[in-house]
Amino acid sequence: MVEQSDRAPLLDWEEIPPPDQNQAVQPPPEPPQEERTAAAGRRVTAVPTAVTYSPTRNVTAVVVSRDRTRPDLVGIDRNLPFPNITARADWEEKDQIVSVFVVTFDTRCGNLVEWFLPHDINLDGVEFKSMASGSHRITSDFIYFRKGNYFGLACFANMPVESELERGARMKSVGILSPSYTLLYRYMHFLENQVRHQLQWPGQYSPLEAFYEDKKAVLPPTGNGLVPSCPSWTAASINRCMHPEMKITHPAGCMSQFIQFFGEQIMVLWKFVLLRKRIVIFSPPPIGVVCYRVYCCCCLANTSIPAVGVSVPELRPFFYVNIADISALETELSYVACTTEKIFEDKKELYDVYIDNQNVKSHRSHLQPLLRLNAADKEKYRKLSEQ
């Protein structure tokens, strides 16, 4: 029997409360007299059970066999908690930190990668992705971004200092890279602490070195980090299983705010993400909450064909982008990204839909009818708001 949960794989680790110790355990019901008589004449043997799960779909399968020896389990270490998990599944569930780095702002040279591990990784452009344009006007922020096959999360902080060389302000970002963006939120608190540490004690990298040694990934032989699918969930399922600390740090915790922010316009946006259009979201700094809106857009696009269960191609998140990403965006047929640079509004060849605040607009004539709300849209939004 296969049981599929409607909760996201990331959120489906809610602890089941232990049984009440004060409640008496009910004995199993007595079988009928005929069954007891029949059972007495035959030998009862143990039934081996194998539990498997899928890393990309939230499916748990319990396979029961009456054979004493399972041919498919021969040669598998039965001491493992899940003997049927493949190396690929085991890889996707582990920490996958492929790099940790520190970016600083130099008054003479601009953004610079100050320190990083490992020393043989290519971090070209990370200094601009992890410190958004206009960040000098804010005190702190966090940024999701994409670097080649990897995704990154960086925490930025700006501290006033009495230094003429630094012109009264010290700005740094501490970030990480991983093949998956769905697990980066776990390290938000660590990165926030480390960027404050770097501002107060520049050059002290020991905690970051220890972190990398503990969390570094051993990449698959292909060397390509595969991007897992966006989680699929509803607002009701999030509220049911979200822990308090996850509401603060996990992107899914912003789904209800995401819906409230756009109001009825969420139905217009929903159409465009289902059509896999190229979407750019503009906002001045801070950009962190806007990166969460990119994440939520991807979740809106994660659908399957009814009665078939086949998922449509994933909407690719780019998260934060700047002018250095223009060449990469030119080749994309479908994506969602956010930026703090207003110049993107004039680059109409790069996008189909441009979002500024709650204003969703498109310069494509064939998409104009989709910008108008109809009665069905309003009714769907009403039902969505009531969940």
Protein backbone atom coordinates (compact mmCIF):
# COMPACT_ATOMS: atom_id res chain seq x y z
CA MET A 1 0.00 0.00 0.00
CA VAL A 2 1.33 3.42 -0.90
CA GLU A 3 0.38 6.47 1.11
CA GLN A 4 1.13 9.93 -0.26
CA SER A 5 1.08 12.98 1.96
CA ASP A 6 -0.02 16.42 0.78
CA ARG A 7 2.76 18.04 2.79
CA ALA A 8 6.03 19.20 1.32
CA PRO A 9 9.05 16.89 1.65
CA LEU A 10 10.85 19.65 3.53
CA LEU A 11 8.08 20.02 6.05
CA ASP A 12 7.17 16.37 6.53
CA TRP A 13 9.41 15.81 9.52
CA GLU A 14 6.94 16.89 12.18
CA GLU A 15 7.31 14.73 15.24
CA ILE A 16 4.41 12.45 16.10
CA PRO A 17 3.39 13.03 19.73
CA PRO A 18 4.09 10.03 21.98
CA PRO A 19 1.12 8.04 23.25
CA ASP A 20 -0.41 9.03 26.54
CA GLN A 21 1.29 6.98 29.25
CA ASN A 22 -1.77 7.24 31.47
CA GLN A 23 -4.02 5.72 28.86
CA ALA A 24 -4.41 1.98 29.15
CA VAL A 25 -3.35 -0.01 26.13
CA GLN A 26 -6.30 -1.82 24.60
CA PRO A 27 -5.60 -5.51 23.98
CA PRO A 28 -6.14 -6.75 20.42
CA PRO A 29 -9.58 -8.25 19.79
CA GLU A 30 -9.90 -12.00 20.08
CA PRO A 31 -10.21 -13.74 16.69
CA PRO A 32 -13.26 -15.89 16.04
CA GLN A 33 -13.20 -19.49 17.26
CA GLU A 34 -12.85 -20.82 13.71
CA GLU A 35 -9.70 -18.75 13.04
CA ARG A 36 -8.10 -19.80 16.35
CA THR A 37 -8.67 -23.45 15.50
CA ALA A 38 -7.22 -23.05 12.00
CA ALA A 39 -4.21 -21.11 13.27
CA ALA A 40 -3.38 -23.81 15.80
CA GLY A 41 -2.74 -26.27 12.99
CA ARG A 42 -0.20 -24.21 11.08
CA ARG A 43 3.16 -22.63 11.90
CA VAL A 44 3.30 -18.84 12.22
CA THR A 45 6.36 -17.27 10.56
CA ALA A 46 7.69 -13.72 10.76
CA VAL A 47 6.84 -11.47 7.86
CA PRO A 48 9.81 -9.33 6.78
CA THR A 49 8.91 -5.77 5.96
CA ALA A 50 10.87 -3.27 3.89
CA VAL A 51 10.26 0.47 4.13
CA THR A 52 11.29 2.67 1.23
CA TYR A 53 10.80 6.30 0.35
CA SER A 54 11.28 8.61 -2.59
CA PRO A 55 13.51 11.70 -2.21
CA THR A 56 11.67 13.68 -4.87
CA ARG A 57 8.09 12.75 -4.00
CA ASN A 58 6.74 12.54 -0.51
CA VAL A 59 5.83 8.87 -0.77
CA THR A 60 6.31 6.17 1.81
CA ALA A 61 5.79 2.58 0.72
CA VAL A 62 5.54 -0.43 3.00
CA VAL A 63 6.27 -3.68 1.19
CA VAL A 64 5.24 -6.89 2.92
CA SER A 65 6.58 -10.23 1.78
CA ARG A 66 5.76 -13.76 2.94
CA ASP A 67 9.11 -15.09 1.72
CA ARG A 68 11.65 -15.78 4.44
CA THR A 69 14.48 -14.62 2.16
CA ARG A 70 14.06 -11.51 0.01
CA PRO A 71 16.17 -11.91 -3.17
CA ASP A 72 16.34 -8.14 -3.62
CA LEU A 73 17.78 -7.69 -0.11
CA VAL A 74 20.61 -10.19 -0.51
CA GLY A 75 23.95 -8.45 0.02
CA ILE A 76 22.35 -5.36 1.63
CA ASP A 77 23.38 -4.32 5.11
CA ARG A 78 20.25 -4.89 7.19
CA ASN A 79 21.69 -2.83 10.02
CA LEU A 80 20.91 0.31 8.02
CA PRO A 81 17.65 2.03 9.05
CA PHE A 82 16.41 2.00 5.44
CA PRO A 83 18.23 -0.79 3.55
CA ASN A 84 16.54 -0.02 0.24
CA ILE A 85 17.73 3.60 0.02
CA THR A 86 20.00 4.05 -2.96
CA ALA A 87 23.20 6.07 -3.01
CA ARG A 88 21.38 8.77 -4.99
CA ALA A 89 18.63 9.05 -2.37
CA ASP A 90 21.19 9.08 0.44
CA TRP A 91 23.09 11.83 -1.38
CA GLU A 92 20.07 14.07 -1.77
CA GLU A 93 19.16 13.90 1.90
CA LYS A 94 22.58 14.82 3.29
CA ASP A 95 24.16 18.22 3.78
CA GLN A 96 25.42 19.44 0.42
CA ILE A 97 27.55 22.49 1.11
CA VAL A 98 30.03 22.81 -1.75
CA SER A 99 31.50 26.18 -0.75
CA VAL A 100 31.55 28.79 2.01
CA PHE A 101 32.79 32.33 1.42
CA VAL A 102 33.10 35.87 2.74
CA VAL A 103 32.46 38.91 0.53
CA THR A 104 33.45 42.43 1.53
CA PHE A 105 32.98 45.90 0.10
CA ASP A 106 36.22 47.75 -0.58
CA THR A 107 35.95 51.52 -1.01
CA ARG A 108 38.53 51.47 -3.81
CA CYS A 109 37.82 48.16 -5.59
CA GLY A 110 34.14 47.54 -4.86
CA ASN A 111 32.81 44.08 -4.01
CA LEU A 112 35.53 41.47 -3.41
CA VAL A 113 35.62 37.81 -2.41
CA GLU A 114 37.70 38.08 0.75
CA TRP A 115 37.96 34.40 1.69
CA PHE A 116 36.52 31.07 0.52
CA LEU A 117 36.73 27.29 0.71
CA PRO A 118 37.55 25.11 -1.12
CA HIS A 119 40.36 26.95 -2.86
CA ASP A 120 39.79 25.30 -6.24
CA ILE A 121 36.16 26.38 -6.74
CA ASN A 122 35.20 29.07 -9.25
CA LEU A 123 33.35 31.90 -7.49
CA ASP A 124 33.45 34.50 -10.26
CA GLY A 125 30.48 36.83 -9.87
CA VAL A 126 29.52 35.68 -6.38
CA GLU A 127 30.74 38.98 -4.96
CA PHE A 128 27.88 40.74 -6.78
CA LYS A 129 25.24 38.06 -6.22
CA SER A 130 25.73 37.95 -2.44
CA MET A 131 25.65 41.73 -1.95
CA ALA A 132 22.71 43.29 -3.78
CA SER A 133 22.90 46.67 -5.48
CA GLY A 134 21.76 49.37 -3.06
CA SER A 135 22.60 47.36 0.06
CA HIS A 136 24.64 50.26 1.44
CA ARG A 137 21.33 51.89 2.40
CA ILE A 138 20.25 49.07 4.74
CA THR A 139 21.77 47.43 7.83
CA SER A 140 21.08 43.74 7.10
CA ASP A 141 19.59 41.43 4.49
CA PHE A 142 19.72 37.89 3.15
CA ILE A 143 19.93 36.84 -0.49
CA TYR A 144 19.17 33.66 -2.41
CA PHE A 145 20.92 33.42 -5.76
CA ARG A 146 22.06 31.02 -8.43
CA LYS A 147 25.62 30.32 -9.52
CA GLY A 148 25.88 27.88 -12.43
CA ASN A 149 24.52 24.52 -11.25
CA TYR A 150 24.54 25.67 -7.63
CA PHE A 151 22.30 27.80 -5.46
CA GLY A 152 23.51 30.16 -2.79
CA LEU A 153 22.36 31.85 0.38
CA ALA A 154 24.24 34.82 1.80
CA CYS A 155 23.59 37.03 4.81
CA PHE A 156 24.62 40.68 4.56
CA ALA A 157 25.29 43.18 7.32
CA ASN A 158 26.39 46.81 7.41
CA MET A 159 28.10 48.16 10.54
CA PRO A 160 29.17 51.77 11.16
CA VAL A 161 32.87 52.13 12.03
CA GLU A 162 35.17 55.01 12.87
CA SER A 163 37.49 54.52 9.93
CA GLU A 164 38.29 56.97 7.18
CA LEU A 165 39.63 54.14 5.01
CA GLU A 166 36.24 52.38 5.15
CA ARG A 167 34.36 55.70 4.90
CA GLY A 168 32.46 55.09 8.11
CA ALA A 169 30.85 51.77 7.15
CA ARG A 170 31.99 48.14 7.02
CA MET A 171 29.89 45.86 4.80
CA LYS A 172 30.24 42.10 4.43
CA SER A 173 28.31 39.02 3.35
CA VAL A 174 28.87 35.44 4.45
CA GLY A 175 27.40 32.79 2.17
CA ILE A 176 27.27 29.17 1.08
CA LEU A 177 26.68 27.24 -2.15
CA SER A 178 24.71 24.01 -2.55
CA PRO A 179 23.21 22.00 -5.42
CA SER A 180 19.80 22.35 -3.73
CA TYR A 181 18.04 25.55 -2.71
CA THR A 182 15.42 23.75 -0.62
CA LEU A 183 17.74 23.10 2.34
CA LEU A 184 19.63 26.40 2.48
CA TYR A 185 17.26 27.87 5.06
CA ARG A 186 18.74 25.52 7.67
CA TYR A 187 21.90 27.63 7.80
CA MET A 188 20.32 31.09 7.90
CA HIS A 189 20.92 31.58 11.62
CA PHE A 190 24.54 30.42 11.36
CA LEU A 191 25.26 32.81 8.48
CA GLU A 192 23.66 35.73 10.31
CA ASN A 193 25.88 35.10 13.32
CA GLN A 194 28.98 34.69 11.18
CA VAL A 195 28.53 37.92 9.23
CA ARG A 196 28.27 39.82 12.52
CA HIS A 197 31.38 37.98 13.70
CA GLN A 198 33.24 39.00 10.54
CA LEU A 199 32.26 42.64 10.99
CA GLN A 200 33.52 42.74 14.56
CA TRP A 201 36.59 40.52 14.11
CA PRO A 202 37.65 40.60 10.44
CA GLY A 203 39.86 37.75 9.32
CA GLN A 204 38.70 35.23 11.95
CA TYR A 205 37.66 32.33 9.72
CA SER A 206 38.00 29.38 12.11
CA PRO A 207 34.22 28.88 12.63
CA LEU A 208 33.67 28.93 8.86
CA GLU A 209 36.48 26.43 8.30
CA ALA A 210 35.00 24.08 10.90
CA PHE A 211 31.54 24.49 9.37
CA TYR A 212 32.79 23.59 5.90
CA GLU A 213 34.69 20.53 7.12
CA ASP A 214 31.56 19.32 8.88
CA LYS A 215 29.06 20.03 6.09
CA LYS A 216 31.05 19.76 2.87
CA ALA A 217 29.53 17.63 0.15
CA VAL A 218 31.07 14.78 -1.76
CA LEU A 219 29.66 15.43 -5.20
CA PRO A 220 28.40 12.57 -7.40
CA PRO A 221 30.79 11.27 -10.09
CA THR A 222 29.02 13.38 -12.73
CA GLY A 223 30.04 16.54 -10.90
CA ASN A 224 26.74 18.23 -11.76
CA GLY A 225 24.50 19.32 -8.94
CA LEU A 226 20.96 18.33 -9.82
CA VAL A 227 18.19 20.71 -8.84
CA PRO A 228 15.35 18.96 -6.99
CA SER A 229 11.76 19.80 -7.75
CA CYS A 230 9.95 22.51 -5.85
CA PRO A 231 7.89 21.17 -2.97
CA SER A 232 4.16 20.90 -3.49
CA TRP A 233 1.86 22.04 -0.71
CA THR A 234 -1.17 24.10 0.18
CA ALA A 235 -1.58 26.98 2.60
CA ALA A 236 -3.64 24.74 4.87
CA SER A 237 -0.96 22.05 5.03
CA ILE A 238 1.72 24.62 5.86
CA ASN A 239 -0.23 26.02 8.79
CA ARG A 240 -0.83 22.50 10.06
CA CYS A 241 2.76 21.33 10.21
CA MET A 242 4.96 24.45 10.37
CA HIS A 243 7.08 24.78 13.47
CA PRO A 244 7.48 28.29 14.99
CA GLU A 245 11.17 28.59 14.09
CA MET A 246 10.46 27.46 10.52
CA LYS A 247 7.88 30.20 10.08
CA ILE A 248 10.74 32.65 10.49
CA THR A 249 13.49 31.00 8.45
CA HIS A 250 11.79 28.70 5.94
CA PRO A 251 10.58 30.22 2.65
CA ALA A 252 7.33 28.26 2.89
CA GLY A 253 6.49 30.22 6.03
CA CYS A 254 5.92 33.28 3.83
CA MET A 255 3.27 31.68 1.62
CA SER A 256 0.33 33.21 3.49
CA GLN A 257 2.03 36.63 3.47
CA PHE A 258 2.77 36.13 -0.23
CA ILE A 259 -0.93 35.62 -0.95
CA GLN A 260 -1.96 38.55 1.23
CA PHE A 261 0.64 40.83 -0.38
CA PHE A 262 -0.67 40.34 -3.91
CA GLY A 263 -4.34 40.03 -2.98
CA GLU A 264 -6.53 39.18 -5.97
CA GLN A 265 -3.54 39.77 -8.25
CA ILE A 266 -2.22 36.41 -7.05
CA MET A 267 -4.66 34.81 -9.51
CA VAL A 268 -3.11 36.76 -12.39
CA LEU A 269 0.38 35.80 -11.28
CA TRP A 270 -0.71 32.18 -10.90
CA LYS A 271 -1.72 32.04 -14.57
CA PHE A 272 1.66 33.29 -15.71
CA VAL A 273 3.66 30.84 -13.61
CA LEU A 274 1.49 27.95 -14.84
CA LEU A 275 2.25 29.08 -18.40
CA ARG A 276 5.97 29.04 -17.54
CA LYS A 277 6.54 32.66 -18.51
CA ARG A 278 9.73 34.62 -17.84
CA ILE A 279 9.02 36.67 -14.73
CA VAL A 280 11.11 39.45 -13.17
CA ILE A 281 10.17 40.89 -9.76
CA PHE A 282 11.62 44.30 -8.95
CA SER A 283 12.09 45.68 -5.45
CA PRO A 284 14.54 48.02 -3.76
CA PRO A 285 16.59 46.48 -0.93
CA PRO A 286 16.09 44.53 1.25
CA ILE A 287 15.74 41.72 -1.28
CA GLY A 288 15.43 38.71 1.06
CA VAL A 289 11.65 38.70 1.31
CA VAL A 290 11.45 39.10 -2.48
CA CYS A 291 13.59 35.97 -2.89
CA TYR A 292 10.88 34.23 -0.87
CA ARG A 293 8.32 35.46 -3.40
CA VAL A 294 10.37 33.81 -6.14
CA TYR A 295 10.27 30.59 -4.12
CA CYS A 296 6.50 30.89 -3.68
CA CYS A 297 6.02 31.45 -7.42
CA CYS A 298 7.83 28.18 -8.09
CA CYS A 299 5.56 26.41 -5.63
CA LEU A 300 2.49 27.80 -7.40
CA ALA A 301 3.84 26.36 -10.64
CA ASN A 302 4.42 22.90 -9.20
CA THR A 303 1.38 21.01 -10.45
CA SER A 304 0.63 17.57 -11.80
CA ILE A 305 -1.81 16.30 -14.40
CA PRO A 306 -4.98 15.05 -12.63
CA ALA A 307 -5.48 11.27 -12.52
CA VAL A 308 -2.05 10.77 -14.10
CA GLY A 309 0.33 12.22 -11.54
CA VAL A 310 2.84 13.39 -14.14
CA SER A 311 4.56 16.62 -13.11
CA VAL A 312 4.99 19.40 -15.64
CA PRO A 313 8.49 20.82 -16.20
CA GLU A 314 9.78 22.81 -13.25
CA LEU A 315 9.78 26.60 -13.30
CA ARG A 316 13.43 27.51 -12.82
CA PRO A 317 14.20 29.93 -9.98
CA PHE A 318 17.08 32.34 -10.48
CA PHE A 319 16.33 34.28 -7.29
CA TYR A 320 18.42 37.49 -7.16
CA VAL A 321 19.89 38.67 -10.47
CA ASN A 322 21.80 41.76 -11.59
CA ILE A 323 23.14 43.12 -14.86
CA ALA A 324 25.90 40.49 -14.85
CA ASP A 325 23.19 37.83 -15.32
CA ILE A 326 21.69 39.35 -18.48
CA SER A 327 23.56 37.02 -20.84
CA ALA A 328 22.37 33.97 -18.87
CA LEU A 329 18.74 35.14 -18.84
CA GLU A 330 18.76 35.73 -22.60
CA THR A 331 18.92 31.97 -23.21
CA GLU A 332 16.19 31.00 -20.73
CA LEU A 333 12.71 30.12 -21.97
CA SER A 334 11.13 30.13 -18.51
CA TYR A 335 12.28 31.45 -15.14
CA VAL A 336 11.43 33.55 -12.08
CA ALA A 337 13.93 36.08 -10.74
CA CYS A 338 14.08 39.19 -8.59
CA THR A 339 16.30 42.25 -8.80
CA THR A 340 17.03 45.58 -7.17
CA GLU A 341 18.13 47.14 -10.48
CA LYS A 342 15.48 49.23 -12.22
CA ILE A 343 17.28 48.92 -15.56
CA PHE A 344 15.70 45.49 -16.02
CA GLU A 345 12.35 47.15 -16.73
CA ASP A 346 13.81 48.54 -19.96
CA LYS A 347 15.23 45.15 -21.02
CA LYS A 348 11.88 43.94 -22.37
CA GLU A 349 13.48 41.19 -24.44
CA LEU A 350 14.49 39.45 -21.19
CA TYR A 351 11.04 38.94 -19.69
CA ASP A 352 7.35 38.38 -20.39
CA VAL A 353 6.01 39.61 -17.04
CA TYR A 354 7.37 42.44 -14.88
CA ILE A 355 6.23 42.89 -11.29
CA ASP A 356 6.79 46.13 -9.38
CA ASN A 357 5.28 46.03 -5.90
CA GLN A 358 1.78 44.51 -6.40
CA ASN A 359 1.62 45.70 -10.00
CA VAL A 360 1.76 42.75 -12.41
CA LYS A 361 2.20 43.86 -16.02
CA SER A 362 3.27 42.54 -19.41
CA HIS A 363 4.28 44.19 -22.66
CA ARG A 364 3.28 41.10 -24.67
CA SER A 365 0.02 41.78 -26.52
CA HIS A 366 -1.13 38.14 -26.41
CA LEU A 367 -0.81 38.15 -22.60
CA GLN A 368 -2.88 41.29 -22.03
CA PRO A 369 -6.21 39.44 -21.59
CA LEU A 370 -4.70 37.41 -18.74
CA LEU A 371 -4.03 40.59 -16.76
CA ARG A 372 -7.75 41.12 -16.23
CA LEU A 373 -9.50 39.41 -13.33
CA ASN A 374 -12.72 37.60 -14.14
CA ALA A 375 -15.49 36.32 -11.89
CA ALA A 376 -13.92 32.87 -11.66
CA ASP A 377 -10.61 34.38 -10.51
CA LYS A 378 -12.33 36.34 -7.76
CA GLU A 379 -14.26 33.30 -6.58
CA LYS A 380 -11.09 31.18 -6.46
CA TYR A 381 -9.31 33.89 -4.50
CA ARG A 382 -12.19 34.06 -2.03
CA LYS A 383 -11.95 30.31 -1.41
CA LEU A 384 -8.17 30.54 -1.14
CA SER A 385 -8.44 33.30 1.46
CA GLU A 386 -10.80 31.22 3.57
CA GLN A 387 -8.33 28.34 4.00
